[in-house]
C-alpha atoms as a PDB file:
ATOM      1  CA  MET A   1      34.732 -29.521  43.244  1.00  0.00           C
ATOM      2  CA  PRO A   2      30.977 -28.893  43.069  1.00  0.00           C
ATOM      3  CA  THR A   3      28.772 -31.631  41.746  1.00  0.00           C
ATOM      4  CA  GLN A   4      26.875 -31.318  38.461  1.00  0.00           C
ATOM      5  CA  SER A   5      23.578 -30.520  40.217  1.00  0.00           C
ATOM      6  CA  GLU A   6      25.241 -27.801  42.293  1.00  0.00           C
ATOM      7  CA  SER A   7      26.755 -26.257  39.158  1.00  0.00           C
ATOM      8  CA  LEU A   8      23.332 -26.052  37.536  1.00  0.00           C
ATOM      9  CA  LEU A   9      21.852 -24.320  40.586  1.00  0.00           C
ATOM     10  CA  ARG A  10      24.527 -21.667  40.761  1.00  0.00           C
ATOM     11  CA  TYR A  11      24.175 -18.309  39.008  1.00  0.00           C
ATOM     12  CA  ARG A  12      25.720 -18.338  35.566  1.00  0.00           C
ATOM     13  CA  PRO A  13      26.280 -14.915  33.974  1.00  0.00           C
ATOM     14  CA  TRP A  14      25.262 -14.235  30.393  1.00  0.00           C
ATOM     15  CA  ARG A  15      28.302 -14.716  28.163  1.00  0.00           C
ATOM     16  CA  GLY A  16      26.774 -13.600  24.871  1.00  0.00           C
ATOM     17  CA  THR A  17      26.689 -10.170  23.292  1.00  0.00           C
ATOM     18  CA  LEU A  18      24.403  -7.712  25.064  1.00  0.00           C
ATOM     19  CA  ASN A  19      22.205  -5.743  22.671  1.00  0.00           C
ATOM     20  CA  GLY A  20      20.348  -2.505  23.163  1.00  0.00           C
ATOM     21  CA  PRO A  21      16.727  -2.107  24.276  1.00  0.00           C
ATOM     22  CA  LEU A  22      15.541  -1.932  20.656  1.00  0.00           C
ATOM     23  CA  SER A  23      16.433  -5.603  20.260  1.00  0.00           C
ATOM     24  CA  ALA A  24      14.012  -6.279  23.121  1.00  0.00           C
ATOM     25  CA  SER A  25      11.244  -4.650  21.071  1.00  0.00           C
ATOM     26  CA  VAL A  26      12.083  -6.918  18.146  1.00  0.00           C
ATOM     27  CA  ALA A  27      12.075  -9.955  20.457  1.00  0.00           C
ATOM     28  CA  MET A  28       8.648  -9.008  21.854  1.00  0.00           C
ATOM     29  CA  ALA A  29       7.325  -8.563  18.316  1.00  0.00           C
ATOM     30  CA  ARG A  30       8.708 -11.953  17.282  1.00  0.00           C
ATOM     31  CA  ALA A  31       7.140 -13.675  20.299  1.00  0.00           C
ATOM     32  CA  ALA A  32       3.795 -11.945  19.656  1.00  0.00           C
ATOM     33  CA  ILE A  33       3.774 -13.043  16.005  1.00  0.00           C
ATOM     34  CA  LYS A  34       4.466 -16.647  16.995  1.00  0.00           C
ATOM     35  CA  LEU A  35       1.679 -16.488  19.588  1.00  0.00           C
ATOM     36  CA  LEU A  36      -0.915 -15.364  17.064  1.00  0.00           C
ATOM     37  CA  PHE A  37       0.286 -17.884  14.489  1.00  0.00           C
ATOM     38  CA  ARG A  38      -0.754 -20.657  16.905  1.00  0.00           C
ATOM     39  CA  ARG A  39      -4.411 -19.559  16.765  1.00  0.00           C
ATOM     40  CA  TRP A  40      -6.621 -21.342  14.269  1.00  0.00           C
ATOM     41  CA  LEU A  41      -8.968 -18.362  14.162  1.00  0.00           C
ATOM     42  CA  TYR A  42      -6.171 -16.239  12.750  1.00  0.00           C
ATOM     43  CA  TRP A  43      -5.564 -18.683   9.920  1.00  0.00           C
ATOM     44  CA  GLY A  44      -9.284 -18.665   9.110  1.00  0.00           C
ATOM     45  CA  LEU A  45      -9.328 -14.873   8.915  1.00  0.00           C
ATOM     46  CA  PHE A  46      -6.133 -14.876   6.888  1.00  0.00           C
ATOM     47  CA  ALA A  47      -7.681 -17.345   4.431  1.00  0.00           C
ATOM     48  CA  LEU A  48     -10.684 -15.020   4.126  1.00  0.00           C
ATOM     49  CA  SER A  49      -8.389 -12.100   3.317  1.00  0.00           C
ATOM     50  CA  MET A  50      -6.684 -14.243   0.688  1.00  0.00           C
ATOM     51  CA  LEU A  51     -10.052 -14.760  -1.006  1.00  0.00           C
ATOM     52  CA  VAL A  52     -10.212 -11.009  -1.585  1.00  0.00           C
ATOM     53  CA  PHE A  53      -6.659 -11.083  -2.913  1.00  0.00           C
ATOM     54  CA  PHE A  54      -7.345 -13.933  -5.346  1.00  0.00           C
ATOM     55  CA  PHE A  55     -10.488 -12.172  -6.557  1.00  0.00           C
ATOM     56  CA  PHE A  56      -8.388  -9.159  -7.594  1.00  0.00           C
ATOM     57  CA  PHE A  57      -5.521 -11.376  -8.779  1.00  0.00           C
ATOM     58  CA  TYR A  58      -7.634 -13.384 -11.223  1.00  0.00           C
ATOM     59  CA  GLY A  59      -9.806 -10.355 -11.955  1.00  0.00           C
ATOM     60  CA  GLN A  60      -6.853  -8.636 -13.596  1.00  0.00           C
ATOM     61  CA  TYR A  61      -6.360 -11.707 -15.765  1.00  0.00           C
ATOM     62  CA  LEU A  62     -10.056 -11.583 -16.623  1.00  0.00           C
ATOM     63  CA  VAL A  63      -9.870  -7.960 -17.753  1.00  0.00           C
ATOM     64  CA  VAL A  64      -6.974  -8.750 -20.103  1.00  0.00           C
ATOM     65  CA  TRP A  65      -8.863 -11.758 -21.479  1.00  0.00           C
ATOM     66  CA  ILE A  66     -12.005  -9.708 -22.063  1.00  0.00           C
ATOM     67  CA  THR A  67     -10.057  -7.306 -24.262  1.00  0.00           C
ATOM     68  CA  THR A  68      -9.548 -10.227 -26.644  1.00  0.00           C
ATOM     69  CA  GLN A  69     -13.313 -10.902 -26.713  1.00  0.00           C
ATOM     70  CA  VAL A  70     -14.415  -7.438 -27.741  1.00  0.00           C
ATOM     71  CA  GLY A  71     -16.027  -8.657 -30.936  1.00  0.00           C
ATOM     72  CA  SER A  72     -18.514 -10.942 -29.123  1.00  0.00           C
ATOM     73  CA  ASP A  73     -21.725  -9.890 -27.390  1.00  0.00           C
ATOM     74  CA  THR A  74     -21.632 -12.577 -24.665  1.00  0.00           C
ATOM     75  CA  VAL A  75     -19.031 -14.447 -22.655  1.00  0.00           C
ATOM     76  CA  ARG A  76     -19.647 -17.975 -21.362  1.00  0.00           C
ATOM     77  CA  PHE A  77     -18.680 -18.936 -17.809  1.00  0.00           C
ATOM     78  CA  ALA A  78     -19.306 -22.585 -16.837  1.00  0.00           C
ATOM     79  CA  GLY A  79     -21.849 -22.853 -19.659  1.00  0.00           C
ATOM     80  CA  VAL A  80     -23.710 -19.646 -18.650  1.00  0.00           C
ATOM     81  CA  ALA A  81     -23.818 -16.798 -21.158  1.00  0.00           C
ATOM     82  CA  VAL A  82     -23.061 -13.418 -19.569  1.00  0.00           C
ATOM     83  CA  PRO A  83     -23.685 -10.233 -21.577  1.00  0.00           C
ATOM     84  CA  MET A  84     -20.413  -8.464 -22.342  1.00  0.00           C
ATOM     85  CA  LYS A  85     -21.759  -5.029 -21.401  1.00  0.00           C
ATOM     86  CA  ASP A  86     -22.854  -6.234 -17.938  1.00  0.00           C
ATOM     87  CA  LEU A  87     -19.506  -7.868 -17.303  1.00  0.00           C
ATOM     88  CA  THR A  88     -17.489  -4.841 -18.379  1.00  0.00           C
ATOM     89  CA  LYS A  89     -19.706  -2.570 -16.263  1.00  0.00           C
ATOM     90  CA  PHE A  90     -19.145  -4.734 -13.173  1.00  0.00           C
ATOM     91  CA  LEU A  91     -15.388  -4.944 -13.677  1.00  0.00           C
ATOM     92  CA  GLY A  92     -15.232  -1.239 -14.438  1.00  0.00           C
ATOM     93  CA  ARG A  93     -16.518  -0.429 -10.960  1.00  0.00           C
ATOM     94  CA  LEU A  94     -13.646  -2.391  -9.416  1.00  0.00           C
ATOM     95  CA  ALA A  95     -11.073  -0.779 -11.768  1.00  0.00           C
ATOM     96  CA  LEU A  96      -9.066  -3.975 -12.304  1.00  0.00           C
ATOM     97  CA  ASP A  97      -6.711  -2.300 -14.735  1.00  0.00           C
ATOM     98  CA  GLY A  98      -3.564  -1.833 -12.640  1.00  0.00           C
ATOM     99  CA  SER A  99      -4.307   1.822 -11.890  1.00  0.00           C
ATOM    100  CA  GLY A 100      -4.277   3.500  -8.494  1.00  0.00           C
ATOM    101  CA  HIS A 101      -7.960   2.673  -8.061  1.00  0.00           C
ATOM    102  CA  THR A 102      -7.102  -1.042  -8.277  1.00  0.00           C
ATOM    103  CA  PHE A 103      -4.886  -0.968  -5.209  1.00  0.00           C
ATOM    104  CA  GLY A 104      -7.081   1.500  -3.362  1.00  0.00           C
ATOM    105  CA  ASN A 105     -10.142  -0.709  -3.869  1.00  0.00           C
ATOM    106  CA  PHE A 106      -8.200  -3.800  -2.864  1.00  0.00           C
ATOM    107  CA  ILE A 107      -7.071  -2.339   0.464  1.00  0.00           C
ATOM    108  CA  TRP A 108     -10.572  -0.936   1.015  1.00  0.00           C
ATOM    109  CA  PHE A 109     -12.190  -4.382   0.735  1.00  0.00           C
ATOM    110  CA  GLU A 110      -9.436  -5.983   2.806  1.00  0.00           C
ATOM    111  CA  GLY A 111     -10.429  -3.642   5.624  1.00  0.00           C
ATOM    112  CA  TYR A 112     -13.502  -5.717   6.447  1.00  0.00           C
ATOM    113  CA  VAL A 113     -11.267  -8.658   7.374  1.00  0.00           C
ATOM    114  CA  VAL A 114      -8.461  -6.565   8.882  1.00  0.00           C
ATOM    115  CA  VAL A 115     -10.851  -5.034  11.431  1.00  0.00           C
ATOM    116  CA  ILE A 116     -11.756  -8.447  12.873  1.00  0.00           C
ATOM    117  CA  LEU A 117      -8.164  -9.634  12.681  1.00  0.00           C
ATOM    118  CA  LEU A 118      -6.864  -6.627  14.612  1.00  0.00           C
ATOM    119  CA  ALA A 119      -9.531  -7.033  17.285  1.00  0.00           C
ATOM    120  CA  LEU A 120      -8.272 -10.587  17.852  1.00  0.00           C
ATOM    121  CA  ALA A 121      -4.636  -9.468  17.823  1.00  0.00           C
ATOM    122  CA  GLY A 122      -5.255  -6.593  20.232  1.00  0.00           C
ATOM    123  CA  SER A 123      -6.937  -8.763  22.846  1.00  0.00           C
ATOM    124  CA  LEU A 124      -4.391 -11.547  22.585  1.00  0.00           C
ATOM    125  CA  LEU A 125      -1.168  -9.543  22.305  1.00  0.00           C
ATOM    126  CA  VAL A 126      -1.929  -6.471  24.444  1.00  0.00           C
ATOM    127  CA  GLY A 127      -5.081  -6.990  26.496  1.00  0.00           C
ATOM    128  CA  ASN A 128      -3.777 -10.155  28.149  1.00  0.00           C
ATOM    129  CA  ASP A 129      -0.651  -8.326  29.334  1.00  0.00           C
ATOM    130  CA  PHE A 130      -2.836  -5.987  31.405  1.00  0.00           C
ATOM    131  CA  HIS A 131      -5.421  -8.594  32.363  1.00  0.00           C
ATOM    132  CA  ARG A 132      -2.860 -11.123  33.648  1.00  0.00           C
ATOM    133  CA  GLY A 133      -0.229  -8.699  34.922  1.00  0.00           C
ATOM    134  CA  SER A 134       2.434  -9.559  32.356  1.00  0.00           C
ATOM    135  CA  LEU A 135       3.202  -5.904  31.655  1.00  0.00           C
ATOM    136  CA  ALA A 136       4.914  -5.488  35.025  1.00  0.00           C
ATOM    137  CA  PHE A 137       7.249  -8.352  34.081  1.00  0.00           C
ATOM    138  CA  TYR A 138       8.197  -6.666  30.796  1.00  0.00           C
ATOM    139  CA  LEU A 139       8.778  -3.267  32.396  1.00  0.00           C
ATOM    140  CA  SER A 140      10.890  -4.747  35.215  1.00  0.00           C
ATOM    141  CA  LYS A 141      13.528  -5.464  32.569  1.00  0.00           C
ATOM    142  CA  PRO A 142      16.041  -2.798  31.467  1.00  0.00           C
ATOM    143  CA  ILE A 143      13.749  -1.389  28.776  1.00  0.00           C
ATOM    144  CA  GLY A 144      11.571   1.678  28.610  1.00  0.00           C
ATOM    145  CA  ARG A 145       7.811   1.806  28.394  1.00  0.00           C
ATOM    146  CA  TRP A 146       7.924   2.972  24.786  1.00  0.00           C
ATOM    147  CA  HIS A 147      10.058  -0.026  23.860  1.00  0.00           C
ATOM    148  CA  TYR A 148       7.125  -2.187  24.945  1.00  0.00           C
ATOM    149  CA  VAL A 149       4.749  -0.105  22.807  1.00  0.00           C
ATOM    150  CA  LEU A 150       7.145  -0.323  19.866  1.00  0.00           C
ATOM    151  CA  GLY A 151       7.431  -4.102  20.147  1.00  0.00           C
ATOM    152  CA  LYS A 152       3.671  -4.614  20.164  1.00  0.00           C
ATOM    153  CA  CYS A 153       3.144  -2.110  17.338  1.00  0.00           C
ATOM    154  CA  LEU A 154       5.726  -3.954  15.245  1.00  0.00           C
ATOM    155  CA  ALA A 155       3.804  -7.197  15.712  1.00  0.00           C
ATOM    156  CA  ILE A 156       0.452  -5.581  14.879  1.00  0.00           C
ATOM    157  CA  GLY A 157       1.990  -3.781  11.901  1.00  0.00           C
ATOM    158  CA  PHE A 158       3.327  -7.090  10.616  1.00  0.00           C
ATOM    159  CA  PHE A 159      -0.191  -8.519  10.367  1.00  0.00           C
ATOM    160  CA  ILE A 160      -1.562  -5.310   8.830  1.00  0.00           C
ATOM    161  CA  ASN A 161       1.024  -5.339   6.058  1.00  0.00           C
ATOM    162  CA  LEU A 162       0.706  -9.091   5.575  1.00  0.00           C
ATOM    163  CA  ALA A 163      -2.970  -8.636   4.719  1.00  0.00           C
ATOM    164  CA  THR A 164      -2.807  -5.345   2.785  1.00  0.00           C
ATOM    165  CA  THR A 165       0.568  -3.981   1.643  1.00  0.00           C
ATOM    166  CA  LEU A 166       2.287  -7.215   0.624  1.00  0.00           C
ATOM    167  CA  PRO A 167      -0.638  -8.535  -1.498  1.00  0.00           C
ATOM    168  CA  ALA A 168      -1.001  -5.079  -3.099  1.00  0.00           C
ATOM    169  CA  ILE A 169       2.675  -5.201  -4.139  1.00  0.00           C
ATOM    170  CA  VAL A 170       2.050  -8.634  -5.682  1.00  0.00           C
ATOM    171  CA  LEU A 171      -0.883  -7.171  -7.635  1.00  0.00           C
ATOM    172  CA  TRP A 172       1.371  -4.346  -8.837  1.00  0.00           C
ATOM    173  CA  ILE A 173       3.969  -6.835 -10.063  1.00  0.00           C
ATOM    174  CA  GLN A 174       1.244  -8.888 -11.758  1.00  0.00           C
ATOM    175  CA  ALA A 175      -0.154  -5.821 -13.529  1.00  0.00           C
ATOM    176  CA  GLY A 176       3.265  -5.116 -14.988  1.00  0.00           C
ATOM    177  CA  LEU A 177       3.539  -8.670 -16.294  1.00  0.00           C
ATOM    178  CA  LEU A 178       0.087  -8.550 -17.881  1.00  0.00           C
ATOM    179  CA  TYR A 179       0.737  -5.325 -19.752  1.00  0.00           C
ATOM    180  CA  ASP A 180       3.902  -3.885 -21.284  1.00  0.00           C
ATOM    181  CA  TRP A 181       6.138  -4.437 -18.267  1.00  0.00           C
ATOM    182  CA  GLN A 182       8.912  -2.086 -19.374  1.00  0.00           C
ATOM    183  CA  THR A 183       6.475   0.780 -19.768  1.00  0.00           C
ATOM    184  CA  TYR A 184       4.312  -0.095 -16.768  1.00  0.00           C
ATOM    185  CA  TYR A 185       7.124  -0.416 -14.221  1.00  0.00           C
ATOM    186  CA  THR A 186       8.794   2.816 -15.295  1.00  0.00           C
ATOM    187  CA  GLU A 187       5.650   4.920 -15.610  1.00  0.00           C
ATOM    188  CA  ASN A 188       3.879   3.535 -12.536  1.00  0.00           C
ATOM    189  CA  VAL A 189       6.691   3.372 -10.010  1.00  0.00           C
ATOM    190  CA  THR A 190       4.790   6.079  -8.141  1.00  0.00           C
ATOM    191  CA  LEU A 191       2.059   3.503  -7.530  1.00  0.00           C
ATOM    192  CA  LEU A 192       4.560   1.311  -5.711  1.00  0.00           C
ATOM    193  CA  ARG A 193       5.596   4.239  -3.524  1.00  0.00           C
ATOM    194  CA  GLY A 194       1.915   5.000  -2.978  1.00  0.00           C
ATOM    195  CA  ILE A 195       1.231   1.434  -1.829  1.00  0.00           C
ATOM    196  CA  LEU A 196       4.118   1.660   0.636  1.00  0.00           C
ATOM    197  CA  GLY A 197       2.925   5.059   1.887  1.00  0.00           C
ATOM    198  CA  TYR A 198      -0.636   3.778   2.278  1.00  0.00           C
ATOM    199  CA  GLY A 199       0.649   0.744   4.177  1.00  0.00           C
ATOM    200  CA  LEU A 200       2.776   2.917   6.471  1.00  0.00           C
ATOM    201  CA  THR A 201      -0.242   5.094   7.260  1.00  0.00           C
ATOM    202  CA  LEU A 202      -2.340   2.036   8.108  1.00  0.00           C
ATOM    203  CA  THR A 203       0.476   0.565  10.209  1.00  0.00           C
ATOM    204  CA  VAL A 204       1.049   3.619  12.386  1.00  0.00           C
ATOM    205  CA  SER A 205      -2.563   4.665  12.917  1.00  0.00           C
ATOM    206  CA  LEU A 206      -4.193   1.243  13.303  1.00  0.00           C
ATOM    207  CA  SER A 207      -1.464  -0.229  15.526  1.00  0.00           C
ATOM    208  CA  LEU A 208      -1.805   2.677  17.968  1.00  0.00           C
ATOM    209  CA  LEU A 209      -5.607   2.391  17.861  1.00  0.00           C
ATOM    210  CA  VAL A 210      -5.424  -1.361  18.478  1.00  0.00           C
ATOM    211  CA  MET A 211      -3.145  -0.904  21.487  1.00  0.00           C
ATOM    212  CA  ALA A 212      -5.252   1.878  22.992  1.00  0.00           C
ATOM    213  CA  THR A 213      -8.552  -0.005  22.683  1.00  0.00           C
ATOM    214  CA  ALA A 214      -6.943  -3.264  23.858  1.00  0.00           C
ATOM    215  CA  VAL A 215      -5.547  -1.550  26.964  1.00  0.00           C
ATOM    216  CA  TRP A 216      -8.977  -0.075  27.641  1.00  0.00           C
ATOM    217  CA  LEU A 217     -11.169  -3.152  27.057  1.00  0.00           C
ATOM    218  CA  ARG A 218      -8.716  -6.119  27.203  1.00  0.00           C
ATOM    219  CA  GLN A 219     -11.297  -8.764  26.210  1.00  0.00           C
ATOM    220  CA  THR A 220     -11.939  -9.961  22.661  1.00  0.00           C
ATOM    221  CA  VAL A 221     -15.737  -9.606  22.534  1.00  0.00           C
ATOM    222  CA  PRO A 222     -16.048  -5.977  23.763  1.00  0.00           C
ATOM    223  CA  LEU A 223     -12.998  -5.049  21.693  1.00  0.00           C
ATOM    224  CA  THR A 224     -14.619  -6.477  18.562  1.00  0.00           C
ATOM    225  CA  MET A 225     -17.861  -4.637  19.311  1.00  0.00           C
ATOM    226  CA  VAL A 226     -16.051  -1.311  19.703  1.00  0.00           C
ATOM    227  CA  TRP A 227     -14.086  -1.862  16.498  1.00  0.00           C
ATOM    228  CA  MET A 228     -17.232  -2.723  14.563  1.00  0.00           C
ATOM    229  CA  GLY A 229     -18.820   0.420  15.979  1.00  0.00           C
ATOM    230  CA  VAL A 230     -15.886   2.567  14.855  1.00  0.00           C
ATOM    231  CA  PHE A 231     -15.512   1.034  11.402  1.00  0.00           C
ATOM    232  CA  ALA A 232     -19.084  -0.071  10.613  1.00  0.00           C
ATOM    233  CA  LEU A 233     -21.674   1.942  12.564  1.00  0.00           C
ATOM    234  CA  LEU A 234     -19.878   5.248  12.117  1.00  0.00           C
ATOM    235  CA  ARG A 235     -19.627   4.509   8.396  1.00  0.00           C
ATOM    236  CA  LEU A 236     -23.382   3.951   8.223  1.00  0.00           C
ATOM    237  CA  LEU A 237     -23.983   7.115  10.250  1.00  0.00           C
ATOM    238  CA  ALA A 238     -21.724   9.187   8.020  1.00  0.00           C
ATOM    239  CA  GLY A 239     -23.361   7.795   4.875  1.00  0.00           C
ATOM    240  CA  TRP A 240     -26.834   8.485   6.265  1.00  0.00           C
ATOM    241  CA  LEU A 241     -25.938  12.083   7.118  1.00  0.00           C
ATOM    242  CA  VAL A 242     -24.178  12.927   3.855  1.00  0.00           C
ATOM    243  CA  ASP A 243     -26.007  10.776   1.298  1.00  0.00           C
ATOM    244  CA  GLY A 244     -29.404  10.591   2.970  1.00  0.00           C
ATOM    245  CA  LEU A 245     -29.868  13.943   4.691  1.00  0.00           C
ATOM    246  CA  LYS A 246     -27.574  15.825   2.271  1.00  0.00           C
ATOM    247  CA  ALA A 247     -25.551  17.231   5.144  1.00  0.00           C
ATOM    248  CA  ASP A 248     -22.092  18.727   4.775  1.00  0.00           C
ATOM    249  CA  GLU A 249     -19.506  16.290   3.375  1.00  0.00           C
ATOM    250  CA  ARG A 250     -17.297  16.855   6.415  1.00  0.00           C
ATOM    251  CA  TRP A 251     -19.601  14.551   8.369  1.00  0.00           C
ATOM    252  CA  ARG A 252     -17.972  11.745   6.394  1.00  0.00           C
ATOM    253  CA  LEU A 253     -14.884  12.321   8.535  1.00  0.00           C
ATOM    254  CA  LEU A 254     -16.624  10.174  11.156  1.00  0.00           C
ATOM    255  CA  ASP A 255     -15.729   7.155   9.018  1.00  0.00           C
ATOM    256  CA  LEU A 256     -12.115   6.490  10.028  1.00  0.00           C
ATOM    257  CA  TRP A 257     -11.531   3.866   7.337  1.00  0.00           C
ATOM    258  CA  ASN A 258     -12.737   6.340   4.702  1.00  0.00           C
ATOM    259  CA  ASP A 259     -10.291   8.906   6.119  1.00  0.00           C
ATOM    260  CA  LEU A 260      -7.476   6.401   5.736  1.00  0.00           C
ATOM    261  CA  TYR A 261      -8.657   5.662   2.199  1.00  0.00           C
ATOM    262  CA  LEU A 262      -8.514   9.360   1.286  1.00  0.00           C
ATOM    263  CA  ILE A 263      -4.924   9.517   2.543  1.00  0.00           C
ATOM    264  CA  GLY A 264      -4.111   6.359   0.585  1.00  0.00           C
ATOM    265  CA  ALA A 265      -5.727   7.846  -2.535  1.00  0.00           C
ATOM    266  CA  TRP A 266      -3.424  10.847  -2.169  1.00  0.00           C
ATOM    267  CA  PHE A 267      -0.409   8.532  -1.984  1.00  0.00           C
ATOM    268  CA  LEU A 268      -1.669   6.627  -5.047  1.00  0.00           C
ATOM    269  CA  ARG A 269      -2.186   9.864  -7.006  1.00  0.00           C
ATOM    270  CA  ILE A 270      -5.905   9.187  -7.500  1.00  0.00           C
ATOM    271  CA  ASP A 271      -7.891  12.120  -8.802  1.00  0.00           C
ATOM    272  CA  PRO A 272     -10.273  13.209  -5.983  1.00  0.00           C
ATOM    273  CA  ALA A 273     -13.005  13.796  -8.583  1.00  0.00           C
ATOM    274  CA  THR A 274     -13.021  10.061  -9.423  1.00  0.00           C
ATOM    275  CA  ILE A 275     -13.526   8.863  -5.814  1.00  0.00           C
ATOM    276  CA  ARG A 276     -16.972   7.446  -5.102  1.00  0.00           C
ATOM    277  CA  PRO A 277     -19.155   8.542  -3.424  1.00  0.00           C
ATOM    278  CA  ALA A 278     -18.370  11.958  -4.822  1.00  0.00           C
ATOM    279  CA  GLU A 279     -19.178  13.972  -1.672  1.00  0.00           C
ATOM    280  CA  GLN A 280     -15.813  13.672   0.085  1.00  0.00           C
ATOM    281  CA  PRO A 281     -14.044  16.048   2.481  1.00  0.00           C
ATOM    282  CA  PRO A 282     -10.602  17.421   1.589  1.00  0.00           C
ATOM    283  CA  THR A 283      -7.690  15.055   2.114  1.00  0.00           C
ATOM    284  CA  TRP A 284      -5.974  17.352   4.591  1.00  0.00           C
ATOM    285  CA  GLN A 285      -9.006  17.213   6.871  1.00  0.00           C
ATOM    286  CA  ALA A 286      -8.977  13.411   6.779  1.00  0.00           C
ATOM    287  CA  ALA A 287      -5.249  13.466   7.596  1.00  0.00           C
ATOM    288  CA  ALA A 288      -5.922  15.827  10.510  1.00  0.00           C
ATOM    289  CA  VAL A 289      -8.564  13.458  11.934  1.00  0.00           C
ATOM    290  CA  VAL A 290      -6.230  10.436  11.645  1.00  0.00           C
ATOM    291  CA  ALA A 291      -3.384  12.396  13.254  1.00  0.00           C
ATOM    292  CA  ALA A 292      -5.667  13.527  16.102  1.00  0.00           C
ATOM    293  CA  VAL A 293      -6.858   9.964  16.754  1.00  0.00           C
ATOM    294  CA  SER A 294      -3.260   8.668  16.742  1.00  0.00           C
ATOM    295  CA  ALA A 295      -2.149  11.424  19.131  1.00  0.00           C
ATOM    296  CA  ALA A 296      -5.052  10.667  21.480  1.00  0.00           C
ATOM    297  CA  CYS A 297      -4.083   6.983  21.479  1.00  0.00           C
ATOM    298  CA  LEU A 298      -0.474   7.884  22.304  1.00  0.00           C
ATOM    299  CA  LEU A 299      -1.546  10.069  25.233  1.00  0.00           C
ATOM    300  CA  TYR A 300      -3.859   7.376  26.556  1.00  0.00           C
ATOM    301  CA  LEU A 301      -1.156   4.706  26.288  1.00  0.00           C
ATOM    302  CA  ARG A 302       1.301   6.951  28.096  1.00  0.00           C
ATOM    303  CA  LYS A 303      -1.168   7.469  30.937  1.00  0.00           C
ATOM    304  CA  ARG A 304      -2.096   3.814  31.346  1.00  0.00           C
ATOM    305  CA  ILE A 305       1.392   2.351  30.985  1.00  0.00           C
ATOM    306  CA  HIS A 306       2.936   4.867  33.381  1.00  0.00           C
ATOM    307  CA  ALA A 307       0.299   3.865  35.935  1.00  0.00           C
ATOM    308  CA  VAL A 308       1.663   0.305  36.099  1.00  0.00           C
ATOM    309  CA  GLU A 309       3.741  -0.302  39.219  1.00  0.00           C
ATOM    310  CA  ILE A 310       7.144  -1.828  38.551  1.00  0.00           C
ATOM    311  CA  VAL A 311       9.396  -3.742  40.914  1.00  0.00           C
ATOM    312  CA  SER A 312      12.944  -3.608  39.568  1.00  0.00           C
END
């Protein structure tokens, strides 16, 4: 009879239920989520995104309260008198009335935090696999290369929806409770579908873009600089060309986040004439740009991942 130590050293076959390769993608996503949850920087960025959420959350309460103060000329906050017309003008720009503009504006402002968050996630979850050679370990298992991409995209999509789609759904539920909930939920169920469609668009396009840039750059600092260039400098350039030089509105297609917003506005049934700034390209052109960027990211990922040597 072998001793206990010899029994531990011998090969012991797996006696559980073998699942398909898709379960491996889910396992990789679960491990990636746990890895990012251990980073204090993530929790700081998540807290910053929650500040935007609470601003809209309590802002909707504020709009309902203001409707009860219509007869007064001023409203007092912490002992400071604020003119009613200035307050209503400020809140009117944010459209905190439970309409499609409310959720579109919320996801728009969340984008400033999501960009930094995704740069951190891309370097940590994808860039390190190429930098430290972990990708060869994943691909040596009985899974395909696209299962690896799917697993990482699921993890990145989880953080995108945690910061945008899920809080927007909470705001939709809150709006129904503040107003006539029976009427609001039945007449504005299209807004809920629009939020889900907007979130799906962000998940697919941004997760592929995160993976492609993370595979290319791998490090956090250059990845953050490239992302700020794509989502900040190109926005300034597009605004300067269209608003400053009065160029054709199609130059605004350089702003990828604005393109995603136009697609989201279509899902939310927002009238294009009410979108500000008014000089906007057609929605189909924005969708074509987002689709082209996503396709380019897929082709680049296919090229780089297929170039990794695997020892089975």
